[in-house]
Amino acid sequence: MNAWVRLARWATLLVLASLTVSLVIGVGDPATGAAEKAVLVLVIAGCFLLAVKVSRLGGRIEQRLRRH
């Protein structure tokens, strides 16, 4: 069970990282307007915060599973 939790955590973090990279590319695109760039930066920050929460939550779950 512990391996599945670890795999799910890494898969989620991989998806968030690839989404963040694609959003950063969108910010760097010259065709992107100023308002669009502001929204993309906010979404990038949200992805980062979500990745931090997923990482912390996954670590806590792994610790609980190790105790049992």
PDB file of N, CA and C in Angstrom:
ATOM      1  N   MET A   1       0.817  -1.193   0.000  1.00  0.00           N
ATOM      2  CA  MET A   1       0.000   0.000   0.000  1.00  0.00           C
ATOM      3  C   MET A   1       0.860   1.257   0.000  1.00  0.00           C
ATOM      4  N   ASN A   2       1.959   1.203   0.704  1.00  0.00           N
ATOM      5  CA  ASN A   2       2.855   2.350   0.792  1.00  0.00           C
ATOM      6  C   ASN A   2       3.413   2.725  -0.576  1.00  0.00           C
ATOM      7  N   ALA A   3       3.708   1.725  -1.389  1.00  0.00           N
ATOM      8  CA  ALA A   3       4.244   1.987  -2.726  1.00  0.00           C
ATOM      9  C   ALA A   3       3.205   2.681  -3.606  1.00  0.00           C
ATOM     10  N   TRP A   4       1.933   2.328  -3.441  1.00  0.00           N
ATOM     11  CA  TRP A   4       0.879   2.957  -4.240  1.00  0.00           C
ATOM     12  C   TRP A   4       0.702   4.419  -3.867  1.00  0.00           C
ATOM     13  N   VAL A   5       0.814   4.707  -2.590  1.00  0.00           N
ATOM     14  CA  VAL A   5       0.699   6.105  -2.145  1.00  0.00           C
ATOM     15  C   VAL A   5       1.859   6.916  -2.711  1.00  0.00           C
ATOM     16  N   ARG A   6       3.048   6.353  -2.645  1.00  0.00           N
ATOM     17  CA  ARG A   6       4.227   7.039  -3.170  1.00  0.00           C
ATOM     18  C   ARG A   6       4.096   7.251  -4.682  1.00  0.00           C
ATOM     19  N   LEU A   7       3.614   6.233  -5.388  1.00  0.00           N
ATOM     20  CA  LEU A   7       3.436   6.341  -6.833  1.00  0.00           C
ATOM     21  C   LEU A   7       2.390   7.396  -7.181  1.00  0.00           C
ATOM     22  N   ALA A   8       1.292   7.426  -6.438  1.00  0.00           N
ATOM     23  CA  ALA A   8       0.250   8.423  -6.691  1.00  0.00           C
ATOM     24  C   ALA A   8       0.776   9.830  -6.432  1.00  0.00           C
ATOM     25  N   ARG A   9       1.563   9.973  -5.366  1.00  0.00           N
ATOM     26  CA  ARG A   9       2.132  11.293  -5.060  1.00  0.00           C
ATOM     27  C   ARG A   9       3.068  11.750  -6.168  1.00  0.00           C
ATOM     28  N   TRP A  10       3.953  10.866  -6.606  1.00  0.00           N
ATOM     29  CA  TRP A  10       4.893  11.240  -7.665  1.00  0.00           C
ATOM     30  C   TRP A  10       4.181  11.518  -8.987  1.00  0.00           C
ATOM     31  N   ALA A  11       3.139  10.746  -9.293  1.00  0.00           N
ATOM     32  CA  ALA A  11       2.390  10.974 -10.532  1.00  0.00           C
ATOM     33  C   ALA A  11       1.695  12.337 -10.492  1.00  0.00           C
ATOM     34  N   THR A  12       1.110  12.664  -9.350  1.00  0.00           N
ATOM     35  CA  THR A  12       0.444  13.961  -9.210  1.00  0.00           C
ATOM     36  C   THR A  12       1.442  15.104  -9.329  1.00  0.00           C
ATOM     37  N   LEU A  13       2.592  14.948  -8.703  1.00  0.00           N
ATOM     38  CA  LEU A  13       3.612  15.989  -8.791  1.00  0.00           C
ATOM     39  C   LEU A  13       4.148  16.125 -10.215  1.00  0.00           C
ATOM     40  N   LEU A  14       4.262  15.013 -10.925  1.00  0.00           N
ATOM     41  CA  LEU A  14       4.720  15.063 -12.320  1.00  0.00           C
ATOM     42  C   LEU A  14       3.716  15.800 -13.202  1.00  0.00           C
ATOM     43  N   VAL A  15       2.442  15.538 -12.995  1.00  0.00           N
ATOM     44  CA  VAL A  15       1.403  16.231 -13.768  1.00  0.00           C
ATOM     45  C   VAL A  15       1.422  17.731 -13.461  1.00  0.00           C
ATOM     46  N   LEU A  16       1.536  18.072 -12.183  1.00  0.00           N
ATOM     47  CA  LEU A  16       1.587  19.490 -11.815  1.00  0.00           C
ATOM     48  C   LEU A  16       2.830  20.178 -12.372  1.00  0.00           C
ATOM     49  N   ALA A  17       3.959  19.475 -12.375  1.00  0.00           N
ATOM     50  CA  ALA A  17       5.189  20.067 -12.907  1.00  0.00           C
ATOM     51  C   ALA A  17       5.071  20.296 -14.412  1.00  0.00           C
ATOM     52  N   SER A  18       4.522  19.328 -15.137  1.00  0.00           N
ATOM     53  CA  SER A  18       4.393  19.514 -16.584  1.00  0.00           C
ATOM     54  C   SER A  18       3.391  20.618 -16.909  1.00  0.00           C
ATOM     55  N   LEU A  19       2.331  20.717 -16.120  1.00  0.00           N
ATOM     56  CA  LEU A  19       1.373  21.808 -16.314  1.00  0.00           C
ATOM     57  C   LEU A  19       2.031  23.156 -16.044  1.00  0.00           C
ATOM     58  N   THR A  20       2.836  23.221 -14.996  1.00  0.00           N
ATOM     59  CA  THR A  20       3.518  24.465 -14.661  1.00  0.00           C
ATOM     60  C   THR A  20       4.488  24.876 -15.765  1.00  0.00           C
ATOM     61  N   VAL A  21       5.221  23.922 -16.308  1.00  0.00           N
ATOM     62  CA  VAL A  21       6.161  24.233 -17.396  1.00  0.00           C
ATOM     63  C   VAL A  21       5.405  24.753 -18.617  1.00  0.00           C
ATOM     64  N   SER A  22       4.284  24.133 -18.951  1.00  0.00           N
ATOM     65  CA  SER A  22       3.525  24.611 -20.108  1.00  0.00           C
ATOM     66  C   SER A  22       2.956  26.007 -19.864  1.00  0.00           C
ATOM     67  N   LEU A  23       2.580  26.301 -18.629  1.00  0.00           N
ATOM     68  CA  LEU A  23       2.086  27.649 -18.320  1.00  0.00           C
ATOM     69  C   LEU A  23       3.203  28.684 -18.390  1.00  0.00           C
ATOM     70  N   VAL A  24       4.389  28.310 -17.953  1.00  0.00           N
ATOM     71  CA  VAL A  24       5.532  29.219 -18.042  1.00  0.00           C
ATOM     72  C   VAL A  24       5.852  29.514 -19.505  1.00  0.00           C
ATOM     73  N   ILE A  25       5.753  28.507 -20.342  1.00  0.00           N
ATOM     74  CA  ILE A  25       5.972  28.710 -21.781  1.00  0.00           C
ATOM     75  C   ILE A  25       4.920  29.680 -22.324  1.00  0.00           C
ATOM     76  N   GLY A  26       3.681  29.550 -21.847  1.00  0.00           N
ATOM     77  CA  GLY A  26       2.615  30.462 -22.274  1.00  0.00           C
ATOM     78  C   GLY A  26       2.888  31.896 -21.851  1.00  0.00           C
ATOM     79  N   VAL A  27       3.469  32.086 -20.676  1.00  0.00           N
ATOM     80  CA  VAL A  27       3.805  33.435 -20.220  1.00  0.00           C
ATOM     81  C   VAL A  27       4.897  34.034 -21.100  1.00  0.00           C
ATOM     82  N   GLY A  28       5.833  33.214 -21.530  1.00  0.00           N
ATOM     83  CA  GLY A  28       6.936  33.704 -22.346  1.00  0.00           C
ATOM     84  C   GLY A  28       6.581  33.934 -23.806  1.00  0.00           C
ATOM     85  N   ASP A  29       5.410  33.492 -24.233  1.00  0.00           N
ATOM     86  CA  ASP A  29       4.999  33.652 -25.623  1.00  0.00           C
ATOM     87  C   ASP A  29       4.665  35.119 -25.901  1.00  0.00           C
ATOM     88  N   PRO A  30       5.252  35.694 -26.957  1.00  0.00           N
ATOM     89  CA  PRO A  30       4.984  37.109 -27.247  1.00  0.00           C
ATOM     90  C   PRO A  30       3.530  37.389 -27.638  1.00  0.00           C
ATOM     91  N   ALA A  31       2.786  36.370 -28.058  1.00  0.00           N
ATOM     92  CA  ALA A  31       1.395  36.581 -28.455  1.00  0.00           C
ATOM     93  C   ALA A  31       0.452  36.652 -27.257  1.00  0.00           C
ATOM     94  N   THR A  32       0.951  36.361 -26.072  1.00  0.00           N
ATOM     95  CA  THR A  32       0.128  36.384 -24.863  1.00  0.00           C
ATOM     96  C   THR A  32      -0.003  37.826 -24.373  1.00  0.00           C
ATOM     97  N   GLY A  33      -1.234  38.237 -24.123  1.00  0.00           N
ATOM     98  CA  GLY A  33      -1.486  39.596 -23.652  1.00  0.00           C
ATOM     99  C   GLY A  33      -1.155  39.771 -22.186  1.00  0.00           C
ATOM    100  N   ALA A  34      -1.203  41.008 -21.730  1.00  0.00           N
ATOM    101  CA  ALA A  34      -0.834  41.319 -20.342  1.00  0.00           C
ATOM    102  C   ALA A  34      -1.806  40.686 -19.347  1.00  0.00           C
ATOM    103  N   ALA A  35      -3.097  40.757 -19.629  1.00  0.00           N
ATOM    104  CA  ALA A  35      -4.085  40.170 -18.726  1.00  0.00           C
ATOM    105  C   ALA A  35      -3.943  38.651 -18.688  1.00  0.00           C
ATOM    106  N   GLU A  36      -3.688  38.060 -19.841  1.00  0.00           N
ATOM    107  CA  GLU A  36      -3.495  36.613 -19.902  1.00  0.00           C
ATOM    108  C   GLU A  36      -2.256  36.199 -19.114  1.00  0.00           C
ATOM    109  N   LYS A  37      -1.207  36.984 -19.219  1.00  0.00           N
ATOM    110  CA  LYS A  37       0.012  36.680 -18.470  1.00  0.00           C
ATOM    111  C   LYS A  37      -0.236  36.742 -16.969  1.00  0.00           C
ATOM    112  N   ALA A  38      -1.020  37.726 -16.531  1.00  0.00           N
ATOM    113  CA  ALA A  38      -1.328  37.841 -15.108  1.00  0.00           C
ATOM    114  C   ALA A  38      -2.104  36.613 -14.619  1.00  0.00           C
ATOM    115  N   VAL A  39      -3.060  36.175 -15.413  1.00  0.00           N
ATOM    116  CA  VAL A  39      -3.830  34.985 -15.045  1.00  0.00           C
ATOM    117  C   VAL A  39      -2.927  33.753 -15.022  1.00  0.00           C
ATOM    118  N   LEU A  40      -2.060  33.619 -16.006  1.00  0.00           N
ATOM    119  CA  LEU A  40      -1.150  32.475 -16.045  1.00  0.00           C
ATOM    120  C   LEU A  40      -0.218  32.456 -14.840  1.00  0.00           C
ATOM    121  N   VAL A  41       0.260  33.619 -14.436  1.00  0.00           N
ATOM    122  CA  VAL A  41       1.138  33.684 -13.261  1.00  0.00           C
ATOM    123  C   VAL A  41       0.375  33.255 -12.010  1.00  0.00           C
ATOM    124  N   LEU A  42      -0.878  33.646 -11.887  1.00  0.00           N
ATOM    125  CA  LEU A  42      -1.685  33.222 -10.745  1.00  0.00           C
ATOM    126  C   LEU A  42      -1.925  31.716 -10.757  1.00  0.00           C
ATOM    127  N   VAL A  43      -2.169  31.167 -11.928  1.00  0.00           N
ATOM    128  CA  VAL A  43      -2.368  29.714 -12.038  1.00  0.00           C
ATOM    129  C   VAL A  43      -1.069  28.975 -11.723  1.00  0.00           C
ATOM    130  N   ILE A  44       0.064  29.518 -12.153  1.00  0.00           N
ATOM    131  CA  ILE A  44       1.362  28.910 -11.832  1.00  0.00           C
ATOM    132  C   ILE A  44       1.565  28.895 -10.319  1.00  0.00           C
ATOM    133  N   ALA A  45       1.247  29.988  -9.662  1.00  0.00           N
ATOM    134  CA  ALA A  45       1.374  30.041  -8.198  1.00  0.00           C
ATOM    135  C   ALA A  45       0.443  29.028  -7.540  1.00  0.00           C
ATOM    136  N   GLY A  46      -0.755  28.884  -8.068  1.00  0.00           N
ATOM    137  CA  GLY A  46      -1.690  27.890  -7.544  1.00  0.00           C
ATOM    138  C   GLY A  46      -1.171  26.467  -7.718  1.00  0.00           C
ATOM    139  N   CYS A  47      -0.576  26.190  -8.867  1.00  0.00           N
ATOM    140  CA  CYS A  47       0.013  24.864  -9.107  1.00  0.00           C
ATOM    141  C   CYS A  47       1.148  24.594  -8.128  1.00  0.00           C
ATOM    142  N   PHE A  48       1.950  25.603  -7.874  1.00  0.00           N
ATOM    143  CA  PHE A  48       3.059  25.448  -6.928  1.00  0.00           C
ATOM    144  C   PHE A  48       2.537  25.153  -5.522  1.00  0.00           C
ATOM    145  N   LEU A  49       1.542  25.915  -5.081  1.00  0.00           N
ATOM    146  CA  LEU A  49       0.980  25.688  -3.753  1.00  0.00           C
ATOM    147  C   LEU A  49       0.310  24.319  -3.655  1.00  0.00           C
ATOM    148  N   LEU A  50      -0.363  23.906  -4.712  1.00  0.00           N
ATOM    149  CA  LEU A  50      -0.989  22.592  -4.722  1.00  0.00           C
ATOM    150  C   LEU A  50       0.063  21.483  -4.662  1.00  0.00           C
ATOM    151  N   ALA A  51       1.179  21.670  -5.349  1.00  0.00           N
ATOM    152  CA  ALA A  51       2.259  20.681  -5.308  1.00  0.00           C
ATOM    153  C   ALA A  51       2.843  20.572  -3.903  1.00  0.00           C
ATOM    154  N   VAL A  52       2.976  21.695  -3.221  1.00  0.00           N
ATOM    155  CA  VAL A  52       3.481  21.672  -1.845  1.00  0.00           C
ATOM    156  C   VAL A  52       2.516  20.898  -0.950  1.00  0.00           C
ATOM    157  N   LYS A  53       1.221  21.144  -1.103  1.00  0.00           N
ATOM    158  CA  LYS A  53       0.235  20.441  -0.284  1.00  0.00           C
ATOM    159  C   LYS A  53       0.217  18.944  -0.580  1.00  0.00           C
ATOM    160  N   VAL A  54       0.304  18.583  -1.846  1.00  0.00           N
ATOM    161  CA  VAL A  54       0.326  17.170  -2.217  1.00  0.00           C
ATOM    162  C   VAL A  54       1.548  16.485  -1.622  1.00  0.00           C
ATOM    163  N   SER A  55       2.681  17.146  -1.685  1.00  0.00           N
ATOM    164  CA  SER A  55       3.911  16.575  -1.149  1.00  0.00           C
ATOM    165  C   SER A  55       3.809  16.380   0.363  1.00  0.00           C
ATOM    166  N   ARG A  56       3.319  17.374   1.066  1.00  0.00           N
ATOM    167  CA  ARG A  56       3.185  17.267   2.530  1.00  0.00           C
ATOM    168  C   ARG A  56       2.163  16.201   2.914  1.00  0.00           C
ATOM    169  N   LEU A  57       1.024  16.193   2.233  1.00  0.00           N
ATOM    170  CA  LEU A  57      -0.014  15.227   2.542  1.00  0.00           C
ATOM    171  C   LEU A  57       0.462  13.803   2.252  1.00  0.00           C
ATOM    172  N   GLY A  58       1.144  13.632   1.141  1.00  0.00           N
ATOM    173  CA  GLY A  58       1.674  12.308   0.814  1.00  0.00           C
ATOM    174  C   GLY A  58       2.691  11.828   1.833  1.00  0.00           C
ATOM    175  N   GLY A  59       3.514  12.736   2.309  1.00  0.00           N
ATOM    176  CA  GLY A  59       4.490  12.378   3.341  1.00  0.00           C
ATOM    177  C   GLY A  59       3.821  11.963   4.638  1.00  0.00           C
ATOM    178  N   ARG A  60       2.778  12.662   5.009  1.00  0.00           N
ATOM    179  CA  ARG A  60       2.044  12.318   6.242  1.00  0.00           C
ATOM    180  C   ARG A  60       1.374  10.951   6.105  1.00  0.00           C
ATOM    181  N   ILE A  61       0.780  10.700   4.946  1.00  0.00           N
ATOM    182  CA  ILE A  61       0.119   9.417   4.739  1.00  0.00           C
ATOM    183  C   ILE A  61       1.138   8.284   4.790  1.00  0.00           C
ATOM    184  N   GLU A  62       2.298   8.478   4.173  1.00  0.00           N
ATOM    185  CA  GLU A  62       3.342   7.450   4.216  1.00  0.00           C
ATOM    186  C   GLU A  62       3.783   7.179   5.649  1.00  0.00           C
ATOM    187  N   GLN A  63       3.934   8.226   6.461  1.00  0.00           N
ATOM    188  CA  GLN A  63       4.324   8.034   7.859  1.00  0.00           C
ATOM    189  C   GLN A  63       3.274   7.258   8.637  1.00  0.00           C
ATOM    190  N   ARG A  64       2.015   7.548   8.392  1.00  0.00           N
ATOM    191  CA  ARG A  64       0.944   6.815   9.077  1.00  0.00           C
ATOM    192  C   ARG A  64       0.934   5.359   8.666  1.00  0.00           C
ATOM    193  N   LEU A  65       1.157   5.102   7.380  1.00  0.00           N
ATOM    194  CA  LEU A  65       1.150   3.712   6.920  1.00  0.00           C
ATOM    195  C   LEU A  65       2.345   2.941   7.465  1.00  0.00           C
ATOM    196  N   ARG A  66       3.464   3.601   7.691  1.00  0.00           N
ATOM    197  CA  ARG A  66       4.634   2.931   8.254  1.00  0.00           C
ATOM    198  C   ARG A  66       4.397   2.511   9.699  1.00  0.00           C
ATOM    199  N   ARG A  67       3.601   3.293  10.434  1.00  0.00           N
ATOM    200  CA  ARG A  67       3.323   2.978  11.836  1.00  0.00           C
ATOM    201  C   ARG A  67       2.461   1.731  11.971  1.00  0.00           C
ATOM    202  N   HIS A  68       1.609   1.465  10.996  1.00  0.00           N
ATOM    203  CA  HIS A  68       0.655   0.355  11.099  1.00  0.00           C
ATOM    204  C   HIS A  68       1.165  -0.876  10.447  1.00  0.00           C
TER     205      HIS A  68
END
